[in-house]
């Protein structure tokens, strides 16, 4: 059953009369307010453990994502350079190997002496 406006006003008047007779004034003057009747709420201390847990979770996720992204970026950046370096090294090795083989054959022929 809903309280009517008259019921609410009657209850408020009764509350004001009860407190006006005993401790008129309170902290705010002639009429008491809710904080006079029940006291001001104590300020709550923030729960730092939740904040620390959230910070740790976010950092962990970021480390994972940043690590994956960095690997991808490095691979994309270095792969062409690495392929070019390997191709250049192989080309240089082929020339050097050809020179070494030619020198080794010439030395072997020289050591063998003239063909009879």
Protein backbone atom coordinates (compact mmCIF):
# COMPACT_ATOMS: atom_id res chain seq x y z
CA UNK A 1 0.00 0.00 0.00
CA UNK A 2 1.42 3.41 -1.08
CA UNK A 3 1.67 6.19 1.44
CA UNK A 4 -0.29 9.27 0.47
CA UNK A 5 1.14 12.77 0.51
CA UNK A 6 -0.85 13.50 3.66
CA UNK A 7 0.64 10.41 5.39
CA UNK A 8 4.17 11.50 4.49
CA UNK A 9 3.58 15.07 5.64
CA UNK A 10 2.09 13.84 8.92
CA UNK A 11 5.13 11.63 9.54
CA UNK A 12 7.53 14.48 8.74
CA UNK A 13 5.63 16.85 11.05
CA UNK A 14 5.69 14.27 13.85
CA UNK A 15 9.43 13.79 13.41
CA UNK A 16 10.07 17.52 13.49
CA UNK A 17 7.87 17.99 16.60
CA UNK A 18 9.60 15.12 18.41
CA UNK A 19 13.06 16.58 17.81
CA UNK A 20 12.00 20.21 18.30
CA UNK A 21 10.82 19.42 21.83
CA UNK A 22 13.97 17.61 22.92
CA UNK A 23 17.07 18.88 21.17
CA UNK A 24 15.94 21.83 19.11
CA UNK A 25 18.54 23.24 16.87
CA UNK A 26 20.95 20.38 16.22
CA UNK A 27 23.91 21.34 14.06
CA UNK A 28 21.83 23.16 11.45
CA UNK A 29 19.50 25.45 13.37
CA UNK A 30 15.89 25.17 14.50
CA UNK A 31 14.87 22.08 12.53
CA UNK A 32 16.92 18.90 12.45
CA UNK A 33 18.09 17.46 9.17
CA UNK A 34 18.82 13.86 8.39
CA UNK A 35 22.52 14.13 9.32
CA UNK A 36 21.52 15.56 12.71
CA UNK A 37 19.44 12.46 13.35
CA UNK A 38 21.75 9.72 12.15
CA UNK A 39 25.13 11.41 12.01
CA UNK A 40 27.22 12.21 8.97
CA UNK A 41 28.58 9.16 7.14
CA UNK A 42 32.21 8.34 7.63
CA UNK A 43 34.31 8.85 4.51
CA UNK A 44 35.17 5.49 3.00
CA UNK A 45 38.74 4.55 2.37
CA UNK A 46 39.35 3.52 -1.25
CA UNK A 47 40.04 -0.14 -1.83
CA UNK A 48 43.59 0.01 -3.21
CA UNK A 49 43.84 -3.76 -3.64
CA UNK A 50 41.23 -3.69 -6.41
CA UNK A 51 43.02 -0.82 -8.13
CA UNK A 52 46.36 -2.60 -7.88
CA UNK A 53 44.84 -5.81 -9.26
CA UNK A 54 43.31 -3.95 -12.19
CA UNK A 55 46.57 -2.14 -12.93
CA UNK A 56 48.46 -5.45 -12.88
CA UNK A 57 45.93 -7.14 -15.19
CA UNK A 58 45.99 -4.26 -17.67
CA UNK A 59 49.80 -4.15 -17.68
CA UNK A 60 49.99 -7.92 -18.21
CA UNK A 61 47.61 -7.72 -21.17
CA UNK A 62 49.49 -4.75 -22.62
CA UNK A 63 52.83 -6.53 -22.29
CA UNK A 64 51.42 -9.49 -24.18
CA UNK A 65 49.87 -7.37 -26.91
CA UNK A 66 52.88 -5.07 -27.22
CA UNK A 67 55.22 -8.08 -27.42
CA UNK A 68 53.19 -9.68 -30.21
CA UNK A 69 52.89 -6.38 -32.08
CA UNK A 70 56.61 -5.68 -31.70
CA UNK A 71 57.52 -9.13 -33.06
CA UNK A 72 55.24 -8.56 -36.05
CA UNK A 73 56.65 -5.10 -36.70
CA UNK A 74 60.26 -6.26 -36.41
CA UNK A 75 59.58 -9.19 -38.74
CA UNK A 76 57.94 -6.92 -41.31
CA UNK A 77 60.75 -4.39 -41.09
CA UNK A 78 63.71 -6.74 -40.97
CA UNK A 79 62.54 -9.55 -43.29
CA UNK A 80 63.27 -7.64 -46.53
CA UNK A 81 66.62 -6.46 -45.17
CA UNK A 82 67.50 -9.97 -44.04
CA UNK A 83 66.60 -11.47 -47.44
CA UNK A 84 68.73 -8.85 -49.21
CA UNK A 85 71.68 -9.50 -46.86
CA UNK A 86 71.45 -13.28 -47.36
CA UNK A 87 71.26 -12.88 -51.16
CA UNK A 88 74.27 -10.55 -51.11
CA UNK A 89 76.22 -12.94 -48.86
CA UNK A 90 75.41 -15.90 -51.15
CA UNK A 91 76.50 -13.94 -54.22
CA UNK A 92 79.75 -13.02 -52.50
CA UNK A 93 80.25 -16.62 -51.36
CA UNK A 94 79.68 -17.95 -54.87
CA UNK A 95 82.39 -15.69 -56.23
CA UNK A 96 84.75 -16.59 -53.39
CA UNK A 97 83.97 -20.34 -53.75
CA UNK A 98 84.63 -20.17 -57.49
CA UNK A 99 87.97 -18.49 -56.80
CA UNK A 100 88.88 -21.08 -54.10
CA UNK A 101 87.94 -24.00 -56.36
CA UNK A 102 89.95 -22.55 -59.25
CA UNK A 103 92.97 -22.01 -56.99
CA UNK A 104 92.70 -25.54 -55.54
CA UNK A 105 92.47 -27.13 -59.04
CA UNK A 106 95.45 -25.10 -60.23
CA UNK A 107 97.49 -26.12 -57.19
CA UNK A 108 96.55 -29.80 -57.63
CA UNK A 109 97.53 -29.71 -61.29
CA UNK A 110 100.77 -28.02 -60.42
CA UNK A 111 101.60 -30.62 -57.77
CA UNK A 112 100.79 -33.47 -60.14
CA UNK A 113 103.23 -32.28 -62.65
CA UNK A 114 103.09 -32.49 -66.43
CA UNK A 115 100.72 -34.98 -67.99
CA UNK A 116 102.57 -37.84 -69.77
